Amino acid sequence: MLATAVGLSGPPGAGKSSFIEVVGKMLTGRGNKVSVLAVDPSSCTTGGSLMGDKTRMTELSRDMQAFIRPSPASGTLGGVTRTTNEAIVLCEGAGYDTVLVETVGVGQSEFAVADMVDMFVLLIPPAGGDELQGIKRGIIEMADLVVVTKSDGDLVVPARRIQTEYTSALKLLRKKSKTWSPKVVRVSSQTGEGIPELWATMEAFREAALANGELQARRRAQQKVWMWTLIRESVLRHFRDHPAVRRALPRLEDSVTRGAMSPGLAADLLLDAFSSSSSSSSSSGAASST
């Protein structure tokens, strides 16, 4: 049985951790095993990722049916660590039927996590201002579901307004799926209102994707995407660590910074240094072997 892998993202203050705790507790209460892969942006400097995530998810962290794995966001693609994709597979193999991946909600993290999960959920708070302009259009286009959080008390009215605005906006965007139209729902992590209905909607998405083969096709495509992502990261790391590149890099970076050399020329010179040195090494190795 395939686990349900859900990516959760949104701007700071959207209440991602509170949302995950409420959903997680609901699922474990139904007998499900839940894994949370949370990427903490602060852990790369403070070392406090573990405490940070578990402090925000107090009840869920004590639940024997739940597993929370914090990950530092430093030096990785959009704050999603290289091992997160493998961790999803491991959690699925360990019998967790729901895997929730929480991203930092900034930079490229949304695009990275969208290539790991079965369903991408965008969480937005009912805040004032230009909400639609504040979130990149590309991120909204990736969303299979938009969740307006904190829909309780005085925020119910603005939450309804945001729901209406996003519903209208989604109709104008290109759909990811041929059979699924992204929906906008309102929930409250404080009162629990809308949470069961939200999960029912997510289950309907999964069932539809399984029935028409889109889920299987998405997973196959994601594996190819991640293969090339890892290749690019490894090639770039190998390039930067190459002795010839490391010798030339400070001087060329300084020239580009001062405006004495164009970035394109500097890049060409670094690539030439890498290629020439690599070719020389290969030739020397071939000569030695003969």
C-alpha atoms as a PDB file:
ATOM      1  CA  MET A   1       0.000   0.000   0.000  1.00  0.00           C
ATOM      2  CA  LEU A   2       1.424   3.369  -1.014  1.00  0.00           C
ATOM      3  CA  ALA A   3       1.687   5.979   1.713  1.00  0.00           C
ATOM      4  CA  THR A   4      -0.006   9.326   1.218  1.00  0.00           C
ATOM      5  CA  ALA A   5       2.788  11.888   0.806  1.00  0.00           C
ATOM      6  CA  VAL A   6       1.572  15.447   1.313  1.00  0.00           C
ATOM      7  CA  GLY A   7       3.688  18.582   0.936  1.00  0.00           C
ATOM      8  CA  LEU A   8       2.687  21.530   3.120  1.00  0.00           C
ATOM      9  CA  SER A   9       3.957  25.025   2.530  1.00  0.00           C
ATOM     10  CA  GLY A  10       2.960  28.617   3.039  1.00  0.00           C
ATOM     11  CA  PRO A  11       4.231  31.981   4.244  1.00  0.00           C
ATOM     12  CA  PRO A  12       5.529  32.465   7.804  1.00  0.00           C
ATOM     13  CA  GLY A  13       2.625  32.817  10.213  1.00  0.00           C
ATOM     14  CA  ALA A  14       0.305  30.563   8.246  1.00  0.00           C
ATOM     15  CA  GLY A  15       0.166  28.126  11.158  1.00  0.00           C
ATOM     16  CA  LYS A  16       1.750  25.137   9.426  1.00  0.00           C
ATOM     17  CA  SER A  17       2.956  23.421  12.602  1.00  0.00           C
ATOM     18  CA  SER A  18      -0.372  23.873  14.408  1.00  0.00           C
ATOM     19  CA  PHE A  19      -2.180  22.545  11.355  1.00  0.00           C
ATOM     20  CA  ILE A  20       0.095  19.497  11.167  1.00  0.00           C
ATOM     21  CA  GLU A  21      -0.427  18.710  14.843  1.00  0.00           C
ATOM     22  CA  VAL A  22      -4.219  18.832  14.579  1.00  0.00           C
ATOM     23  CA  VAL A  23      -4.283  16.742  11.387  1.00  0.00           C
ATOM     24  CA  GLY A  24      -1.705  14.327  12.774  1.00  0.00           C
ATOM     25  CA  LYS A  25      -3.615  13.783  16.016  1.00  0.00           C
ATOM     26  CA  MET A  26      -6.828  13.213  14.088  1.00  0.00           C
ATOM     27  CA  LEU A  27      -5.151  10.579  11.901  1.00  0.00           C
ATOM     28  CA  THR A  28      -3.408   8.751  14.758  1.00  0.00           C
ATOM     29  CA  GLY A  29      -6.744   8.759  16.569  1.00  0.00           C
ATOM     30  CA  ARG A  30      -8.125   6.828  13.607  1.00  0.00           C
ATOM     31  CA  GLY A  31      -5.349   4.254  13.882  1.00  0.00           C
ATOM     32  CA  ASN A  32      -3.058   5.674  11.202  1.00  0.00           C
ATOM     33  CA  LYS A  33       0.708   6.027  11.500  1.00  0.00           C
ATOM     34  CA  VAL A  34       1.910   9.528  10.674  1.00  0.00           C
ATOM     35  CA  SER A  35       5.388  10.726   9.792  1.00  0.00           C
ATOM     36  CA  VAL A  36       6.300  14.422   9.736  1.00  0.00           C
ATOM     37  CA  LEU A  37       9.403  15.544   7.858  1.00  0.00           C
ATOM     38  CA  ALA A  38       9.828  19.137   8.976  1.00  0.00           C
ATOM     39  CA  VAL A  39      12.498  21.412   7.525  1.00  0.00           C
ATOM     40  CA  ASP A  40      13.523  24.011  10.109  1.00  0.00           C
ATOM     41  CA  PRO A  41      15.348  27.061   8.684  1.00  0.00           C
ATOM     42  CA  SER A  42      16.862  27.974  12.039  1.00  0.00           C
ATOM     43  CA  SER A  43      18.578  24.667  12.669  1.00  0.00           C
ATOM     44  CA  CYS A  44      21.447  25.368  10.268  1.00  0.00           C
ATOM     45  CA  THR A  45      22.801  28.031  12.639  1.00  0.00           C
ATOM     46  CA  THR A  46      21.386  27.213  16.062  1.00  0.00           C
ATOM     47  CA  GLY A  47      21.304  23.435  15.979  1.00  0.00           C
ATOM     48  CA  GLY A  48      17.802  23.718  17.420  1.00  0.00           C
ATOM     49  CA  SER A  49      15.803  22.070  14.680  1.00  0.00           C
ATOM     50  CA  LEU A  50      14.769  19.072  16.774  1.00  0.00           C
ATOM     51  CA  MET A  51      13.630  21.112  19.745  1.00  0.00           C
ATOM     52  CA  GLY A  52      12.012  23.746  17.572  1.00  0.00           C
ATOM     53  CA  ASP A  53       9.769  21.377  15.648  1.00  0.00           C
ATOM     54  CA  LYS A  54       8.872  19.236  18.633  1.00  0.00           C
ATOM     55  CA  THR A  55       8.080  22.279  20.748  1.00  0.00           C
ATOM     56  CA  ARG A  56       5.616  23.493  18.131  1.00  0.00           C
ATOM     57  CA  MET A  57       4.025  20.020  17.901  1.00  0.00           C
ATOM     58  CA  THR A  58       3.877  19.183  21.599  1.00  0.00           C
ATOM     59  CA  GLU A  59       1.106  16.583  21.572  1.00  0.00           C
ATOM     60  CA  LEU A  60       2.022  14.933  18.295  1.00  0.00           C
ATOM     61  CA  SER A  61       5.666  14.546  19.347  1.00  0.00           C
ATOM     62  CA  ARG A  62       4.508  12.411  22.293  1.00  0.00           C
ATOM     63  CA  ASP A  63       2.212  10.252  20.163  1.00  0.00           C
ATOM     64  CA  MET A  64       3.599   6.722  19.710  1.00  0.00           C
ATOM     65  CA  GLN A  65       1.884   6.502  16.321  1.00  0.00           C
ATOM     66  CA  ALA A  66       3.730   9.572  15.040  1.00  0.00           C
ATOM     67  CA  PHE A  67       7.316  10.205  13.990  1.00  0.00           C
ATOM     68  CA  ILE A  68       8.805  13.692  13.575  1.00  0.00           C
ATOM     69  CA  ARG A  69      12.072  14.136  11.723  1.00  0.00           C
ATOM     70  CA  PRO A  70      13.495  17.671  11.716  1.00  0.00           C
ATOM     71  CA  SER A  71      15.974  18.584   8.982  1.00  0.00           C
ATOM     72  CA  PRO A  72      18.321  21.568   8.684  1.00  0.00           C
ATOM     73  CA  ALA A  73      17.660  23.758   5.676  1.00  0.00           C
ATOM     74  CA  SER A  74      21.249  24.910   5.202  1.00  0.00           C
ATOM     75  CA  GLY A  75      23.000  24.444   1.884  1.00  0.00           C
ATOM     76  CA  THR A  76      20.270  22.513   0.132  1.00  0.00           C
ATOM     77  CA  LEU A  77      17.854  23.062  -2.689  1.00  0.00           C
ATOM     78  CA  GLY A  78      15.253  25.501  -1.426  1.00  0.00           C
ATOM     79  CA  GLY A  79      15.608  24.400   2.173  1.00  0.00           C
ATOM     80  CA  VAL A  80      14.641  20.806   1.450  1.00  0.00           C
ATOM     81  CA  THR A  81      17.517  18.529   2.361  1.00  0.00           C
ATOM     82  CA  ARG A  82      18.826  15.983  -0.124  1.00  0.00           C
ATOM     83  CA  THR A  83      17.817  13.184   2.211  1.00  0.00           C
ATOM     84  CA  THR A  84      14.178  14.252   2.522  1.00  0.00           C
ATOM     85  CA  ASN A  85      13.164  12.391  -0.632  1.00  0.00           C
ATOM     86  CA  GLU A  86      14.840   9.211   0.606  1.00  0.00           C
ATOM     87  CA  ALA A  87      13.259   9.718   4.034  1.00  0.00           C
ATOM     88  CA  ILE A  88       9.804   9.646   2.431  1.00  0.00           C
ATOM     89  CA  VAL A  89      10.601   6.266   0.891  1.00  0.00           C
ATOM     90  CA  LEU A  90      11.944   4.950   4.189  1.00  0.00           C
ATOM     91  CA  CYS A  91       8.867   6.097   6.106  1.00  0.00           C
ATOM     92  CA  GLU A  92       6.638   4.414   3.544  1.00  0.00           C
ATOM     93  CA  GLY A  93       8.645   1.198   3.886  1.00  0.00           C
ATOM     94  CA  ALA A  94       8.426   1.413   7.684  1.00  0.00           C
ATOM     95  CA  GLY A  95       4.645   1.288   7.557  1.00  0.00           C
ATOM     96  CA  TYR A  96       3.713   4.958   7.917  1.00  0.00           C
ATOM     97  CA  ASP A  97       0.601   5.457   5.805  1.00  0.00           C
ATOM     98  CA  THR A  98       0.759   9.283   5.874  1.00  0.00           C
ATOM     99  CA  VAL A  99       3.899  11.357   5.340  1.00  0.00           C
ATOM    100  CA  LEU A 100       3.614  15.116   5.844  1.00  0.00           C
ATOM    101  CA  VAL A 101       6.487  17.248   4.528  1.00  0.00           C
ATOM    102  CA  GLU A 102       6.590  20.759   5.969  1.00  0.00           C
ATOM    103  CA  THR A 103       8.810  23.287   4.202  1.00  0.00           C
ATOM    104  CA  VAL A 104      10.125  26.650   5.327  1.00  0.00           C
ATOM    105  CA  GLY A 105       7.759  28.402   2.937  1.00  0.00           C
ATOM    106  CA  VAL A 106      10.387  30.604   1.327  1.00  0.00           C
ATOM    107  CA  GLY A 107      12.580  30.545  -1.758  1.00  0.00           C
ATOM    108  CA  GLN A 108      12.503  27.403  -3.885  1.00  0.00           C
ATOM    109  CA  SER A 109      11.345  25.052  -1.131  1.00  0.00           C
ATOM    110  CA  GLU A 110       7.815  24.835  -2.526  1.00  0.00           C
ATOM    111  CA  PHE A 111       9.070  23.818  -5.967  1.00  0.00           C
ATOM    112  CA  ALA A 112      11.429  21.256  -4.474  1.00  0.00           C
ATOM    113  CA  VAL A 113       8.846  19.594  -2.255  1.00  0.00           C
ATOM    114  CA  ALA A 114       6.266  19.517  -5.058  1.00  0.00           C
ATOM    115  CA  ASP A 115       8.559  17.073  -6.842  1.00  0.00           C
ATOM    116  CA  MET A 116       8.535  14.714  -3.839  1.00  0.00           C
ATOM    117  CA  VAL A 117       4.898  14.372  -2.864  1.00  0.00           C
ATOM    118  CA  ASP A 118       1.576  13.072  -4.159  1.00  0.00           C
ATOM    119  CA  MET A 119      -0.301  16.218  -3.179  1.00  0.00           C
ATOM    120  CA  PHE A 120       0.919  19.776  -2.665  1.00  0.00           C
ATOM    121  CA  VAL A 121      -1.056  21.887  -0.173  1.00  0.00           C
ATOM    122  CA  LEU A 122      -0.633  25.639   0.178  1.00  0.00           C
ATOM    123  CA  LEU A 123      -1.555  27.108   3.580  1.00  0.00           C
ATOM    124  CA  ILE A 124      -2.409  30.801   3.765  1.00  0.00           C
ATOM    125  CA  PRO A 125      -3.505  32.932   6.732  1.00  0.00           C
ATOM    126  CA  PRO A 126      -6.499  35.313   6.537  1.00  0.00           C
ATOM    127  CA  ALA A 127      -4.227  38.348   6.862  1.00  0.00           C
ATOM    128  CA  GLY A 128      -4.946  41.799   5.484  1.00  0.00           C
ATOM    129  CA  GLY A 129      -3.225  43.383   2.501  1.00  0.00           C
ATOM    130  CA  ASP A 130      -2.573  42.204  -1.012  1.00  0.00           C
ATOM    131  CA  GLU A 131      -2.700  38.484  -0.312  1.00  0.00           C
ATOM    132  CA  LEU A 132      -2.896  37.355  -3.917  1.00  0.00           C
ATOM    133  CA  GLN A 133       0.055  39.522  -4.904  1.00  0.00           C
ATOM    134  CA  GLY A 134       2.050  38.350  -1.889  1.00  0.00           C
ATOM    135  CA  ILE A 135       2.281  34.734  -3.031  1.00  0.00           C
ATOM    136  CA  LYS A 136       3.985  33.813  -6.278  1.00  0.00           C
ATOM    137  CA  ARG A 137       1.696  32.738  -9.063  1.00  0.00           C
ATOM    138  CA  GLY A 138       3.866  29.704  -9.803  1.00  0.00           C
ATOM    139  CA  ILE A 139       3.367  28.398  -6.282  1.00  0.00           C
ATOM    140  CA  ILE A 140      -0.393  28.777  -6.528  1.00  0.00           C
ATOM    141  CA  GLU A 141      -0.353  26.903  -9.844  1.00  0.00           C
ATOM    142  CA  MET A 142       1.424  23.988  -8.170  1.00  0.00           C
ATOM    143  CA  ALA A 143      -1.163  23.696  -5.398  1.00  0.00           C
ATOM    144  CA  ASP A 144      -3.597  20.799  -5.511  1.00  0.00           C
ATOM    145  CA  LEU A 145      -5.378  22.297  -2.520  1.00  0.00           C
ATOM    146  CA  VAL A 146      -5.362  25.733  -0.899  1.00  0.00           C
ATOM    147  CA  VAL A 147      -6.155  25.881   2.817  1.00  0.00           C
ATOM    148  CA  VAL A 148      -7.138  29.134   4.528  1.00  0.00           C
ATOM    149  CA  THR A 149      -6.046  28.695   8.145  1.00  0.00           C
ATOM    150  CA  LYS A 150      -7.095  30.400  11.394  1.00  0.00           C
ATOM    151  CA  SER A 151     -10.751  30.598  10.310  1.00  0.00           C
ATOM    152  CA  ASP A 152     -12.154  31.256  13.768  1.00  0.00           C
ATOM    153  CA  GLY A 153     -13.352  34.167  15.901  1.00  0.00           C
ATOM    154  CA  ASP A 154     -12.851  37.579  14.321  1.00  0.00           C
ATOM    155  CA  LEU A 155     -10.926  36.038  11.431  1.00  0.00           C
ATOM    156  CA  VAL A 156     -13.874  34.074  10.026  1.00  0.00           C
ATOM    157  CA  VAL A 157     -15.033  36.967   7.823  1.00  0.00           C
ATOM    158  CA  PRO A 158     -11.593  37.723   6.308  1.00  0.00           C
ATOM    159  CA  ALA A 159     -11.010  33.961   5.892  1.00  0.00           C
ATOM    160  CA  ARG A 160     -14.194  33.695   3.842  1.00  0.00           C
ATOM    161  CA  ARG A 161     -13.091  36.642   1.719  1.00  0.00           C
ATOM    162  CA  ILE A 162      -9.688  35.080   1.070  1.00  0.00           C
ATOM    163  CA  GLN A 163     -11.378  31.801   0.196  1.00  0.00           C
ATOM    164  CA  THR A 164     -13.529  33.558  -2.398  1.00  0.00           C
ATOM    165  CA  GLU A 165     -10.565  35.427  -3.865  1.00  0.00           C
ATOM    166  CA  TYR A 166      -8.437  32.319  -4.234  1.00  0.00           C
ATOM    167  CA  THR A 167     -11.312  30.298  -5.661  1.00  0.00           C
ATOM    168  CA  SER A 168     -11.718  32.915  -8.385  1.00  0.00           C
ATOM    169  CA  ALA A 169      -7.962  33.112  -8.988  1.00  0.00           C
ATOM    170  CA  LEU A 170      -7.567  29.344  -9.380  1.00  0.00           C
ATOM    171  CA  LYS A 171     -10.163  29.301 -12.158  1.00  0.00           C
ATOM    172  CA  LEU A 172      -7.860  31.503 -14.242  1.00  0.00           C
ATOM    173  CA  LEU A 173      -4.780  29.335 -13.797  1.00  0.00           C
ATOM    174  CA  ARG A 174      -3.681  26.310 -15.783  1.00  0.00           C
ATOM    175  CA  LYS A 175      -4.655  23.059 -14.075  1.00  0.00           C
ATOM    176  CA  LYS A 176      -2.036  20.448 -13.199  1.00  0.00           C
ATOM    177  CA  SER A 177      -4.449  17.549 -13.494  1.00  0.00           C
ATOM    178  CA  LYS A 178      -6.951  16.642 -16.178  1.00  0.00           C
ATOM    179  CA  THR A 179      -9.386  15.248 -13.634  1.00  0.00           C
ATOM    180  CA  TRP A 180      -8.868  17.372 -10.517  1.00  0.00           C
ATOM    181  CA  SER A 181      -9.711  21.021 -10.006  1.00  0.00           C
ATOM    182  CA  PRO A 182      -7.828  22.623  -7.069  1.00  0.00           C
ATOM    183  CA  LYS A 183     -10.125  23.567  -4.207  1.00  0.00           C
ATOM    184  CA  VAL A 184      -9.965  26.241  -1.501  1.00  0.00           C
ATOM    185  CA  VAL A 185     -11.116  25.281   1.992  1.00  0.00           C
ATOM    186  CA  ARG A 186     -11.198  26.993   5.396  1.00  0.00           C
ATOM    187  CA  VAL A 187     -10.033  25.363   8.618  1.00  0.00           C
ATOM    188  CA  SER A 188      -9.277  26.261  12.214  1.00  0.00           C
ATOM    189  CA  SER A 189      -6.482  24.448  14.049  1.00  0.00           C
ATOM    190  CA  GLN A 190      -7.753  25.978  17.279  1.00  0.00           C
ATOM    191  CA  THR A 191     -11.320  24.663  17.108  1.00  0.00           C
ATOM    192  CA  GLY A 192     -10.740  21.779  14.688  1.00  0.00           C
ATOM    193  CA  GLU A 193     -13.484  23.077  12.392  1.00  0.00           C
ATOM    194  CA  GLY A 194     -13.086  21.933   8.807  1.00  0.00           C
ATOM    195  CA  ILE A 195     -10.248  19.482   9.528  1.00  0.00           C
ATOM    196  CA  PRO A 196     -12.224  16.227   8.965  1.00  0.00           C
ATOM    197  CA  GLU A 197     -13.783  17.656   5.791  1.00  0.00           C
ATOM    198  CA  LEU A 198     -10.343  18.743   4.610  1.00  0.00           C
ATOM    199  CA  TRP A 199      -8.928  15.252   5.005  1.00  0.00           C
ATOM    200  CA  ALA A 200     -11.944  13.799   3.195  1.00  0.00           C
ATOM    201  CA  THR A 201     -11.145  16.123   0.283  1.00  0.00           C
ATOM    202  CA  MET A 202      -7.506  14.996   0.315  1.00  0.00           C
ATOM    203  CA  GLU A 203      -8.580  11.354   0.297  1.00  0.00           C
ATOM    204  CA  ALA A 204     -10.887  12.057  -2.654  1.00  0.00           C
ATOM    205  CA  PHE A 205      -7.929  13.565  -4.519  1.00  0.00           C
ATOM    206  CA  ARG A 206      -5.800  10.493  -3.825  1.00  0.00           C
ATOM    207  CA  GLU A 207      -8.507   8.039  -4.860  1.00  0.00           C
ATOM    208  CA  ALA A 208      -9.109   9.913  -8.113  1.00  0.00           C
ATOM    209  CA  ALA A 209      -5.366  10.079  -8.857  1.00  0.00           C
ATOM    210  CA  LEU A 210      -4.960   6.353  -8.180  1.00  0.00           C
ATOM    211  CA  ALA A 211      -7.968   5.418 -10.282  1.00  0.00           C
ATOM    212  CA  ASN A 212      -6.825   7.294 -13.394  1.00  0.00           C
ATOM    213  CA  GLY A 213      -3.130   6.435 -13.003  1.00  0.00           C
ATOM    214  CA  GLU A 214      -2.010  10.017 -12.413  1.00  0.00           C
ATOM    215  CA  LEU A 215      -0.524   9.229  -9.005  1.00  0.00           C
ATOM    216  CA  GLN A 216       1.656   6.459 -10.378  1.00  0.00           C
ATOM    217  CA  ALA A 217       2.709   8.615 -13.332  1.00  0.00           C
ATOM    218  CA  ARG A 218       3.564  11.537 -11.030  1.00  0.00           C
ATOM    219  CA  ARG A 219       5.754   9.324  -8.870  1.00  0.00           C
ATOM    220  CA  ARG A 220       7.617   7.959 -11.882  1.00  0.00           C
ATOM    221  CA  ALA A 221       8.224  11.479 -13.205  1.00  0.00           C
ATOM    222  CA  GLN A 222       9.406  12.638  -9.770  1.00  0.00           C
ATOM    223  CA  GLN A 223      12.052   9.929  -9.623  1.00  0.00           C
ATOM    224  CA  LYS A 224      13.550  11.158 -12.888  1.00  0.00           C
ATOM    225  CA  VAL A 225      13.439  14.773 -11.685  1.00  0.00           C
ATOM    226  CA  TRP A 226      15.276  13.864  -8.497  1.00  0.00           C
ATOM    227  CA  MET A 227      17.866  11.798 -10.359  1.00  0.00           C
ATOM    228  CA  TRP A 228      18.820  14.874 -12.414  1.00  0.00           C
ATOM    229  CA  THR A 229      18.634  17.127  -9.360  1.00  0.00           C
ATOM    230  CA  LEU A 230      21.163  14.973  -7.545  1.00  0.00           C
ATOM    231  CA  ILE A 231      23.356  14.807 -10.645  1.00  0.00           C
ATOM    232  CA  ARG A 232      23.391  18.614 -10.909  1.00  0.00           C
ATOM    233  CA  GLU A 233      24.247  19.010  -7.221  1.00  0.00           C
ATOM    234  CA  SER A 234      27.060  16.449  -7.458  1.00  0.00           C
ATOM    235  CA  VAL A 235      28.498  17.945 -10.652  1.00  0.00           C
ATOM    236  CA  LEU A 236      28.455  21.457  -9.182  1.00  0.00           C
ATOM    237  CA  ARG A 237      30.116  20.264  -5.980  1.00  0.00           C
ATOM    238  CA  HIS A 238      32.778  18.403  -7.988  1.00  0.00           C
ATOM    239  CA  PHE A 239      33.337  21.512 -10.124  1.00  0.00           C
ATOM    240  CA  ARG A 240      33.752  23.843  -7.127  1.00  0.00           C
ATOM    241  CA  ASP A 241      36.105  21.429  -5.357  1.00  0.00           C
ATOM    242  CA  HIS A 242      38.348  20.953  -8.411  1.00  0.00           C
ATOM    243  CA  PRO A 243      41.892  22.267  -7.688  1.00  0.00           C
ATOM    244  CA  ALA A 244      42.145  24.324 -10.888  1.00  0.00           C
ATOM    245  CA  VAL A 245      38.772  25.944 -10.239  1.00  0.00           C
ATOM    246  CA  ARG A 246      39.594  26.684  -6.602  1.00  0.00           C
ATOM    247  CA  ARG A 247      42.843  28.378  -7.634  1.00  0.00           C
ATOM    248  CA  ALA A 248      41.214  30.581 -10.250  1.00  0.00           C
ATOM    249  CA  LEU A 249      37.919  31.286  -8.499  1.00  0.00           C
ATOM    250  CA  PRO A 250      38.960  34.068  -6.039  1.00  0.00           C
ATOM    251  CA  ARG A 251      40.679  36.106  -8.758  1.00  0.00           C
ATOM    252  CA  LEU A 252      37.824  35.739 -11.250  1.00  0.00           C
ATOM    253  CA  GLU A 253      35.160  36.466  -8.631  1.00  0.00           C
ATOM    254  CA  ASP A 254      37.028  39.636  -7.692  1.00  0.00           C
ATOM    255  CA  SER A 255      37.226  40.689 -11.353  1.00  0.00           C
ATOM    256  CA  VAL A 256      33.494  40.139 -11.829  1.00  0.00           C
ATOM    257  CA  THR A 257      32.677  42.032  -8.625  1.00  0.00           C
ATOM    258  CA  ARG A 258      34.805  45.023  -9.703  1.00  0.00           C
ATOM    259  CA  GLY A 259      33.240  45.035 -13.153  1.00  0.00           C
ATOM    260  CA  ALA A 260      36.566  44.296 -14.838  1.00  0.00           C
ATOM    261  CA  MET A 261      35.231  41.083 -16.370  1.00  0.00           C
ATOM    262  CA  SER A 262      31.808  39.906 -17.488  1.00  0.00           C
ATOM    263  CA  PRO A 263      30.208  36.996 -15.635  1.00  0.00           C
ATOM    264  CA  GLY A 264      29.994  35.067 -18.900  1.00  0.00           C
ATOM    265  CA  LEU A 265      33.720  35.336 -19.602  1.00  0.00           C
ATOM    266  CA  ALA A 266      34.574  34.369 -16.011  1.00  0.00           C
ATOM    267  CA  ALA A 267      32.321  31.323 -16.280  1.00  0.00           C
ATOM    268  CA  ASP A 268      33.957  30.305 -19.578  1.00  0.00           C
ATOM    269  CA  LEU A 269      37.442  30.637 -18.065  1.00  0.00           C
ATOM    270  CA  LEU A 270      36.492  28.528 -15.053  1.00  0.00           C
ATOM    271  CA  LEU A 271      34.956  25.864 -17.281  1.00  0.00           C
ATOM    272  CA  ASP A 272      38.070  25.879 -19.469  1.00  0.00           C
ATOM    273  CA  ALA A 273      40.273  25.487 -16.409  1.00  0.00           C
ATOM    274  CA  PHE A 274      38.146  22.592 -15.221  1.00  0.00           C
ATOM    275  CA  SER A 275      38.070  20.891 -18.647  1.00  0.00           C
ATOM    276  CA  SER A 276      41.767  21.372 -19.387  1.00  0.00           C
ATOM    277  CA  SER A 277      42.869  20.091 -16.020  1.00  0.00           C
ATOM    278  CA  SER A 278      40.487  17.141 -16.175  1.00  0.00           C
ATOM    279  CA  SER A 279      41.673  16.265 -19.698  1.00  0.00           C
ATOM    280  CA  SER A 280      45.302  16.478 -18.594  1.00  0.00           C
ATOM    281  CA  SER A 281      44.625  14.215 -15.659  1.00  0.00           C
ATOM    282  CA  SER A 282      42.870  11.693 -17.885  1.00  0.00           C
ATOM    283  CA  SER A 283      45.744  11.728 -20.381  1.00  0.00           C
ATOM    284  CA  SER A 284      48.330  11.287 -17.630  1.00  0.00           C
ATOM    285  CA  GLY A 285      46.375   8.402 -16.204  1.00  0.00           C
ATOM    286  CA  ALA A 286      46.090   6.717 -19.588  1.00  0.00           C
ATOM    287  CA  ALA A 287      49.835   7.157 -20.218  1.00  0.00           C
ATOM    288  CA  SER A 288      50.713   5.693 -16.840  1.00  0.00           C
ATOM    289  CA  SER A 289      48.535   2.660 -17.407  1.00  0.00           C
ATOM    290  CA  THR A 290      50.262   1.920 -20.708  1.00  0.00           C
END
